[in-house]
Amino acid sequence: MKDLSQLHPLFSENNVRGVVFDLDGTLIDSAADILQGMRMTLEQAGVGVIPDDYRLGNVHGTADDILRSIIADLGWQANQDYDALHERYLANAVKVNLQRSRLYDGVLEVLDACRHAGMPLAICTNKAFAGALAATQKFGIHERFTFITGCDTWDQAKPSPVPLLKTLDMISLTPEECLYFGDTSVDAECAHSAGVRFVLHTSGYCDQAVENWPAIHRFQAWKELLADEEQTA
């Protein structure tokens, strides 16, 4: 029998056997580094210079989606070679090296409580697999996950349910046995389409459309998901 004593009742009341997480805006706060990589890419390619006070509106799509959103938002020429821009961005992301990114407080404690309960953990993100691998290694959480899916691991990215369903296959779980933690409408739509219960991290990059999708639980701080924090709140 699994020992769920360290975790919020969310886990025991829903017969959870495993958990899948989004990465950016869910486990790590990385928006500043994503924007810096985009800024370097678009300036190097001669597309334009992103203003210093610019705020990313799309932090939930693939790198290609985000590039297209910025170009459209700033009214720049849209007929770009996006494959070339994407490759340039991936190279710049390596140079940026997550310098401004951080794990959200409480993530390690929740991951370790889930592992203590014997639950397999996985990541399903729209970050490229190499970037997800680099991030989990940099923040010392890589070994806590049984499997990691990036936007380029399968032939579709979120909000398609395909990457989440494939991830569940890799950790030998059915949709009914799992929770998916995310922070945007892309995550919520993916979970809904896959038949997986969705948990919303409200301190992430929540877009307005996330309110259009069901969530079985919402939390602001990760430590809310620990039993001792829940009992003293």
C-alpha atoms as a PDB file:
ATOM      1  CA  MET A   1       0.000   0.000   0.000  1.00  0.00           C
ATOM      2  CA  LYS A   2       1.346   3.426  -0.940  1.00  0.00           C
ATOM      3  CA  ASP A   3       2.301   5.795   1.874  1.00  0.00           C
ATOM      4  CA  LEU A   4       0.603   9.080   0.992  1.00  0.00           C
ATOM      5  CA  SER A   5       0.913  10.541   4.485  1.00  0.00           C
ATOM      6  CA  GLN A   6       3.277  13.307   3.339  1.00  0.00           C
ATOM      7  CA  LEU A   7       0.916  14.540   0.631  1.00  0.00           C
ATOM      8  CA  HIS A   8      -2.268  16.613   0.388  1.00  0.00           C
ATOM      9  CA  PRO A   9      -5.523  14.580   0.325  1.00  0.00           C
ATOM     10  CA  LEU A  10      -5.718  15.445  -3.395  1.00  0.00           C
ATOM     11  CA  PHE A  11      -3.555  12.395  -4.001  1.00  0.00           C
ATOM     12  CA  SER A  12      -5.268   9.854  -1.739  1.00  0.00           C
ATOM     13  CA  GLU A  13      -8.837  10.923  -2.493  1.00  0.00           C
ATOM     14  CA  ASN A  14      -8.332  10.525  -6.226  1.00  0.00           C
ATOM     15  CA  ASN A  15      -6.576   7.122  -6.173  1.00  0.00           C
ATOM     16  CA  VAL A  16      -3.510   8.563  -7.870  1.00  0.00           C
ATOM     17  CA  ARG A  17      -0.867   6.056  -8.986  1.00  0.00           C
ATOM     18  CA  GLY A  18       1.453   8.491 -10.789  1.00  0.00           C
ATOM     19  CA  VAL A  19       1.926  12.126 -11.757  1.00  0.00           C
ATOM     20  CA  VAL A  20       2.956  13.946 -14.943  1.00  0.00           C
ATOM     21  CA  PHE A  21       4.119  17.561 -14.879  1.00  0.00           C
ATOM     22  CA  ASP A  22       4.496  20.389 -17.325  1.00  0.00           C
ATOM     23  CA  LEU A  23       7.886  22.117 -16.943  1.00  0.00           C
ATOM     24  CA  ASP A  24       7.991  25.860 -17.726  1.00  0.00           C
ATOM     25  CA  GLY A  25       5.650  27.807 -15.453  1.00  0.00           C
ATOM     26  CA  THR A  26       4.882  24.664 -13.493  1.00  0.00           C
ATOM     27  CA  LEU A  27       8.105  23.259 -12.048  1.00  0.00           C
ATOM     28  CA  ILE A  28      10.442  26.072 -13.114  1.00  0.00           C
ATOM     29  CA  ASP A  29      10.100  29.812 -13.628  1.00  0.00           C
ATOM     30  CA  SER A  30      11.966  30.300 -16.908  1.00  0.00           C
ATOM     31  CA  ALA A  31      10.143  33.104 -18.751  1.00  0.00           C
ATOM     32  CA  ALA A  32      13.067  35.535 -18.500  1.00  0.00           C
ATOM     33  CA  ASP A  33      15.445  33.071 -20.159  1.00  0.00           C
ATOM     34  CA  ILE A  34      12.945  32.163 -22.870  1.00  0.00           C
ATOM     35  CA  LEU A  35      12.531  35.855 -23.683  1.00  0.00           C
ATOM     36  CA  GLN A  36      16.290  36.433 -23.698  1.00  0.00           C
ATOM     37  CA  GLY A  37      16.790  33.551 -26.144  1.00  0.00           C
ATOM     38  CA  MET A  38      14.049  34.963 -28.377  1.00  0.00           C
ATOM     39  CA  ARG A  39      15.548  38.461 -28.181  1.00  0.00           C
ATOM     40  CA  MET A  40      18.992  37.191 -29.232  1.00  0.00           C
ATOM     41  CA  THR A  41      17.537  35.087 -32.041  1.00  0.00           C
ATOM     42  CA  LEU A  42      15.391  37.771 -33.646  1.00  0.00           C
ATOM     43  CA  GLU A  43      18.087  40.426 -33.394  1.00  0.00           C
ATOM     44  CA  GLN A  44      20.786  38.155 -34.838  1.00  0.00           C
ATOM     45  CA  ALA A  45      18.510  37.208 -37.742  1.00  0.00           C
ATOM     46  CA  GLY A  46      17.768  40.861 -38.496  1.00  0.00           C
ATOM     47  CA  VAL A  47      14.061  40.460 -37.829  1.00  0.00           C
ATOM     48  CA  GLY A  48      13.876  43.152 -35.153  1.00  0.00           C
ATOM     49  CA  VAL A  49      14.819  44.203 -31.640  1.00  0.00           C
ATOM     50  CA  ILE A  50      12.430  43.238 -28.844  1.00  0.00           C
ATOM     51  CA  PRO A  51      11.796  46.257 -26.562  1.00  0.00           C
ATOM     52  CA  ASP A  52      13.300  46.079 -23.078  1.00  0.00           C
ATOM     53  CA  ASP A  53       9.856  46.310 -21.471  1.00  0.00           C
ATOM     54  CA  TYR A  54       8.285  43.635 -23.691  1.00  0.00           C
ATOM     55  CA  ARG A  55       6.356  40.923 -21.865  1.00  0.00           C
ATOM     56  CA  LEU A  56       5.801  37.515 -23.417  1.00  0.00           C
ATOM     57  CA  GLY A  57       2.143  36.803 -24.033  1.00  0.00           C
ATOM     58  CA  ASN A  58       2.731  33.221 -25.131  1.00  0.00           C
ATOM     59  CA  VAL A  59       4.891  31.160 -22.780  1.00  0.00           C
ATOM     60  CA  HIS A  60       3.063  27.892 -23.346  1.00  0.00           C
ATOM     61  CA  GLY A  61       3.621  26.994 -26.985  1.00  0.00           C
ATOM     62  CA  THR A  62       6.634  25.460 -28.681  1.00  0.00           C
ATOM     63  CA  ALA A  63       9.594  27.711 -29.492  1.00  0.00           C
ATOM     64  CA  ASP A  64       8.226  28.054 -33.016  1.00  0.00           C
ATOM     65  CA  ASP A  65       4.828  29.129 -31.641  1.00  0.00           C
ATOM     66  CA  ILE A  66       6.449  31.727 -29.388  1.00  0.00           C
ATOM     67  CA  LEU A  67       8.578  33.121 -32.226  1.00  0.00           C
ATOM     68  CA  ARG A  68       5.488  33.509 -34.395  1.00  0.00           C
ATOM     69  CA  SER A  69       3.569  35.165 -31.546  1.00  0.00           C
ATOM     70  CA  ILE A  70       6.300  37.748 -30.918  1.00  0.00           C
ATOM     71  CA  ILE A  71       6.681  38.580 -34.625  1.00  0.00           C
ATOM     72  CA  ALA A  72       2.915  39.009 -35.021  1.00  0.00           C
ATOM     73  CA  ASP A  73       2.584  40.990 -31.785  1.00  0.00           C
ATOM     74  CA  LEU A  74       5.307  43.457 -32.792  1.00  0.00           C
ATOM     75  CA  GLY A  75       4.019  43.782 -36.344  1.00  0.00           C
ATOM     76  CA  TRP A  76       7.166  42.510 -38.009  1.00  0.00           C
ATOM     77  CA  GLN A  77       7.383  40.795 -41.386  1.00  0.00           C
ATOM     78  CA  ALA A  78       5.710  37.424 -41.024  1.00  0.00           C
ATOM     79  CA  ASN A  79       7.222  35.527 -43.981  1.00  0.00           C
ATOM     80  CA  GLN A  80      10.276  34.313 -42.052  1.00  0.00           C
ATOM     81  CA  ASP A  81      12.230  31.064 -42.340  1.00  0.00           C
ATOM     82  CA  TYR A  82      10.889  29.713 -39.065  1.00  0.00           C
ATOM     83  CA  ASP A  83      12.892  26.491 -39.270  1.00  0.00           C
ATOM     84  CA  ALA A  84      16.096  28.550 -39.338  1.00  0.00           C
ATOM     85  CA  LEU A  85      14.860  30.813 -36.543  1.00  0.00           C
ATOM     86  CA  HIS A  86      13.955  27.795 -34.444  1.00  0.00           C
ATOM     87  CA  GLU A  87      17.401  26.253 -34.859  1.00  0.00           C
ATOM     88  CA  ARG A  88      19.017  29.567 -33.984  1.00  0.00           C
ATOM     89  CA  TYR A  89      16.834  29.852 -30.894  1.00  0.00           C
ATOM     90  CA  LEU A  90      17.822  26.378 -29.690  1.00  0.00           C
ATOM     91  CA  ALA A  91      21.494  27.350 -30.001  1.00  0.00           C
ATOM     92  CA  ASN A  92      20.875  30.594 -28.130  1.00  0.00           C
ATOM     93  CA  ALA A  93      18.984  28.772 -25.387  1.00  0.00           C
ATOM     94  CA  VAL A  94      22.118  26.734 -24.746  1.00  0.00           C
ATOM     95  CA  LYS A  95      24.125  29.973 -24.447  1.00  0.00           C
ATOM     96  CA  VAL A  96      21.582  31.532 -22.089  1.00  0.00           C
ATOM     97  CA  ASN A  97      21.894  28.356 -20.003  1.00  0.00           C
ATOM     98  CA  LEU A  98      18.933  28.989 -17.683  1.00  0.00           C
ATOM     99  CA  GLN A  99      20.822  31.784 -15.919  1.00  0.00           C
ATOM    100  CA  ARG A 100      17.640  33.544 -14.777  1.00  0.00           C
ATOM    101  CA  SER A 101      15.523  30.431 -14.246  1.00  0.00           C
ATOM    102  CA  ARG A 102      14.699  28.828 -10.908  1.00  0.00           C
ATOM    103  CA  LEU A 103      12.745  25.992  -9.408  1.00  0.00           C
ATOM    104  CA  TYR A 104       9.549  27.127  -7.747  1.00  0.00           C
ATOM    105  CA  ASP A 105       9.788  26.888  -3.963  1.00  0.00           C
ATOM    106  CA  GLY A 106       8.477  23.591  -2.647  1.00  0.00           C
ATOM    107  CA  VAL A 107       8.870  21.611  -5.875  1.00  0.00           C
ATOM    108  CA  LEU A 108      11.631  19.371  -4.495  1.00  0.00           C
ATOM    109  CA  GLU A 109       9.649  18.539  -1.386  1.00  0.00           C
ATOM    110  CA  VAL A 110       6.550  17.569  -3.375  1.00  0.00           C
ATOM    111  CA  LEU A 111       8.530  15.489  -5.868  1.00  0.00           C
ATOM    112  CA  ASP A 112      10.267  13.651  -3.034  1.00  0.00           C
ATOM    113  CA  ALA A 113       6.965  13.049  -1.226  1.00  0.00           C
ATOM    114  CA  CYS A 114       5.540  11.545  -4.425  1.00  0.00           C
ATOM    115  CA  ARG A 115       8.604   9.332  -4.804  1.00  0.00           C
ATOM    116  CA  HIS A 116       8.318   8.301  -1.139  1.00  0.00           C
ATOM    117  CA  ALA A 117       4.766   7.211  -1.963  1.00  0.00           C
ATOM    118  CA  GLY A 118       6.154   5.001  -4.745  1.00  0.00           C
ATOM    119  CA  MET A 119       4.570   6.940  -7.604  1.00  0.00           C
ATOM    120  CA  PRO A 120       6.267   7.123 -11.015  1.00  0.00           C
ATOM    121  CA  LEU A 121       6.809  10.724 -12.143  1.00  0.00           C
ATOM    122  CA  ALA A 122       7.162  12.125 -15.660  1.00  0.00           C
ATOM    123  CA  ILE A 123       7.383  15.424 -17.521  1.00  0.00           C
ATOM    124  CA  CYS A 124       5.377  16.358 -20.618  1.00  0.00           C
ATOM    125  CA  THR A 125       6.486  19.761 -21.886  1.00  0.00           C
ATOM    126  CA  ASN A 126       6.421  21.897 -25.024  1.00  0.00           C
ATOM    127  CA  LYS A 127      10.100  22.682 -24.444  1.00  0.00           C
ATOM    128  CA  ALA A 128      12.364  20.744 -26.814  1.00  0.00           C
ATOM    129  CA  PHE A 129      13.629  17.521 -25.234  1.00  0.00           C
ATOM    130  CA  ALA A 130      17.247  18.742 -25.111  1.00  0.00           C
ATOM    131  CA  GLY A 131      16.137  21.881 -23.256  1.00  0.00           C
ATOM    132  CA  ALA A 132      14.010  19.873 -20.823  1.00  0.00           C
ATOM    133  CA  LEU A 133      16.926  17.526 -20.189  1.00  0.00           C
ATOM    134  CA  ALA A 134      19.271  20.456 -19.565  1.00  0.00           C
ATOM    135  CA  ALA A 135      16.801  22.100 -17.174  1.00  0.00           C
ATOM    136  CA  THR A 136      16.107  18.994 -15.101  1.00  0.00           C
ATOM    137  CA  GLN A 137      19.815  18.241 -14.864  1.00  0.00           C
ATOM    138  CA  LYS A 138      20.742  21.813 -13.933  1.00  0.00           C
ATOM    139  CA  PHE A 139      18.205  21.924 -11.107  1.00  0.00           C
ATOM    140  CA  GLY A 140      19.049  18.461  -9.810  1.00  0.00           C
ATOM    141  CA  ILE A 141      15.657  16.867 -10.431  1.00  0.00           C
ATOM    142  CA  HIS A 142      16.369  14.687 -13.475  1.00  0.00           C
ATOM    143  CA  GLU A 143      16.741  11.426 -11.555  1.00  0.00           C
ATOM    144  CA  ARG A 144      13.337  11.895  -9.969  1.00  0.00           C
ATOM    145  CA  PHE A 145      11.557  11.287 -13.289  1.00  0.00           C
ATOM    146  CA  THR A 146      10.924   7.978 -14.986  1.00  0.00           C
ATOM    147  CA  PHE A 147      10.387   9.603 -18.383  1.00  0.00           C
ATOM    148  CA  ILE A 148      10.559  13.047 -20.013  1.00  0.00           C
ATOM    149  CA  THR A 149       8.631  14.037 -23.148  1.00  0.00           C
ATOM    150  CA  GLY A 150       9.589  17.180 -25.094  1.00  0.00           C
ATOM    151  CA  CYS A 151       7.681  18.840 -27.919  1.00  0.00           C
ATOM    152  CA  ASP A 152       9.920  16.983 -30.393  1.00  0.00           C
ATOM    153  CA  THR A 153       9.738  13.537 -28.771  1.00  0.00           C
ATOM    154  CA  TRP A 154       6.583  12.536 -30.654  1.00  0.00           C
ATOM    155  CA  ASP A 155       5.030  13.753 -33.905  1.00  0.00           C
ATOM    156  CA  GLN A 156       2.670  16.159 -32.108  1.00  0.00           C
ATOM    157  CA  ALA A 157       3.011  18.726 -29.312  1.00  0.00           C
ATOM    158  CA  LYS A 158       0.499  19.945 -26.740  1.00  0.00           C
ATOM    159  CA  PRO A 159      -2.389  20.774 -26.770  1.00  0.00           C
ATOM    160  CA  SER A 160      -2.696  17.501 -28.683  1.00  0.00           C
ATOM    161  CA  PRO A 161      -3.305  14.679 -26.197  1.00  0.00           C
ATOM    162  CA  VAL A 162      -0.743  12.516 -28.017  1.00  0.00           C
ATOM    163  CA  PRO A 163       2.367  13.489 -26.019  1.00  0.00           C
ATOM    164  CA  LEU A 164       0.607  13.041 -22.684  1.00  0.00           C
ATOM    165  CA  LEU A 165      -0.905   9.689 -23.660  1.00  0.00           C
ATOM    166  CA  LYS A 166       2.455   8.481 -24.984  1.00  0.00           C
ATOM    167  CA  THR A 167       4.102   9.612 -21.743  1.00  0.00           C
ATOM    168  CA  LEU A 168       1.556   7.622 -19.734  1.00  0.00           C
ATOM    169  CA  ASP A 169       2.350   4.557 -21.846  1.00  0.00           C
ATOM    170  CA  MET A 170       6.023   4.982 -20.992  1.00  0.00           C
ATOM    171  CA  ILE A 171       5.307   4.935 -17.244  1.00  0.00           C
ATOM    172  CA  SER A 172       2.689   2.163 -17.534  1.00  0.00           C
ATOM    173  CA  LEU A 173      -0.297   4.191 -16.350  1.00  0.00           C
ATOM    174  CA  THR A 174      -3.798   4.736 -17.703  1.00  0.00           C
ATOM    175  CA  PRO A 175      -5.327   8.239 -17.899  1.00  0.00           C
ATOM    176  CA  GLU A 176      -7.619   7.390 -14.972  1.00  0.00           C
ATOM    177  CA  GLU A 177      -4.642   6.640 -12.711  1.00  0.00           C
ATOM    178  CA  CYS A 178      -2.813   9.917 -13.192  1.00  0.00           C
ATOM    179  CA  LEU A 179      -2.845  13.650 -12.506  1.00  0.00           C
ATOM    180  CA  TYR A 180      -1.358  16.211 -14.876  1.00  0.00           C
ATOM    181  CA  PHE A 181       0.043  19.404 -13.340  1.00  0.00           C
ATOM    182  CA  GLY A 182       0.237  22.487 -15.562  1.00  0.00           C
ATOM    183  CA  ASP A 183      -0.267  26.232 -15.663  1.00  0.00           C
ATOM    184  CA  THR A 184      -1.848  27.195 -19.009  1.00  0.00           C
ATOM    185  CA  SER A 185      -4.766  26.454 -21.304  1.00  0.00           C
ATOM    186  CA  VAL A 186      -2.463  24.360 -23.496  1.00  0.00           C
ATOM    187  CA  ASP A 187      -1.820  22.039 -20.533  1.00  0.00           C
ATOM    188  CA  ALA A 188      -5.478  21.996 -19.504  1.00  0.00           C
ATOM    189  CA  GLU A 189      -6.713  21.243 -23.028  1.00  0.00           C
ATOM    190  CA  CYS A 190      -4.125  18.493 -23.442  1.00  0.00           C
ATOM    191  CA  ALA A 191      -5.177  16.863 -20.161  1.00  0.00           C
ATOM    192  CA  HIS A 192      -8.890  17.157 -20.952  1.00  0.00           C
ATOM    193  CA  SER A 193      -8.445  15.626 -24.409  1.00  0.00           C
ATOM    194  CA  ALA A 194      -6.393  12.781 -22.928  1.00  0.00           C
ATOM    195  CA  GLY A 195      -8.943  12.056 -20.195  1.00  0.00           C
ATOM    196  CA  VAL A 196      -6.442  12.966 -17.460  1.00  0.00           C
ATOM    197  CA  ARG A 197      -7.428  15.025 -14.397  1.00  0.00           C
ATOM    198  CA  PHE A 198      -5.811  18.451 -14.431  1.00  0.00           C
ATOM    199  CA  VAL A 199      -4.254  20.351 -11.513  1.00  0.00           C
ATOM    200  CA  LEU A 200      -3.598  24.077 -12.060  1.00  0.00           C
ATOM    201  CA  HIS A 201      -0.540  25.930 -10.755  1.00  0.00           C
ATOM    202  CA  THR A 202      -1.982  29.423 -10.485  1.00  0.00           C
ATOM    203  CA  SER A 203       1.391  31.102  -9.893  1.00  0.00           C
ATOM    204  CA  GLY A 204       2.636  29.996 -13.303  1.00  0.00           C
ATOM    205  CA  TYR A 205       2.070  31.678 -16.674  1.00  0.00           C
ATOM    206  CA  CYS A 206      -1.723  31.297 -16.592  1.00  0.00           C
ATOM    207  CA  ASP A 207      -3.363  32.684 -19.712  1.00  0.00           C
ATOM    208  CA  GLN A 208      -6.968  33.844 -19.674  1.00  0.00           C
ATOM    209  CA  ALA A 209      -8.157  30.804 -21.653  1.00  0.00           C
ATOM    210  CA  VAL A 210      -7.109  28.397 -18.887  1.00  0.00           C
ATOM    211  CA  GLU A 211     -10.348  29.329 -17.115  1.00  0.00           C
ATOM    212  CA  ASN A 212     -12.273  27.653 -19.946  1.00  0.00           C
ATOM    213  CA  TRP A 213     -11.001  24.220 -18.902  1.00  0.00           C
ATOM    214  CA  PRO A 214     -11.799  22.104 -15.829  1.00  0.00           C
ATOM    215  CA  ALA A 215      -9.294  21.586 -13.022  1.00  0.00           C
ATOM    216  CA  ILE A 216      -9.866  19.248 -10.096  1.00  0.00           C
ATOM    217  CA  HIS A 217      -7.567  21.333  -7.891  1.00  0.00           C
ATOM    218  CA  ARG A 218      -5.808  24.706  -7.936  1.00  0.00           C
ATOM    219  CA  PHE A 219      -2.805  25.740  -5.889  1.00  0.00           C
ATOM    220  CA  GLN A 220      -0.631  28.827  -5.637  1.00  0.00           C
ATOM    221  CA  ALA A 221       2.410  27.519  -3.753  1.00  0.00           C
ATOM    222  CA  TRP A 222       3.855  24.022  -4.086  1.00  0.00           C
ATOM    223  CA  LYS A 223       4.074  23.501  -0.341  1.00  0.00           C
ATOM    224  CA  GLU A 224       0.270  23.604  -0.239  1.00  0.00           C
ATOM    225  CA  LEU A 225       0.459  20.075  -1.658  1.00  0.00           C
ATOM    226  CA  LEU A 226       2.231  18.700   1.416  1.00  0.00           C
ATOM    227  CA  ALA A 227       0.164  17.184   4.208  1.00  0.00           C
ATOM    228  CA  ASP A 228       1.686  19.217   7.048  1.00  0.00           C
ATOM    229  CA  GLU A 229       1.151  22.486   5.136  1.00  0.00           C
ATOM    230  CA  GLU A 230      -2.443  21.558   4.328  1.00  0.00           C
ATOM    231  CA  GLN A 231      -3.208  20.752   7.949  1.00  0.00           C
ATOM    232  CA  THR A 232      -1.780  24.030   9.286  1.00  0.00           C
ATOM    233  CA  ALA A 233      -3.282  26.312   6.594  1.00  0.00           C
END
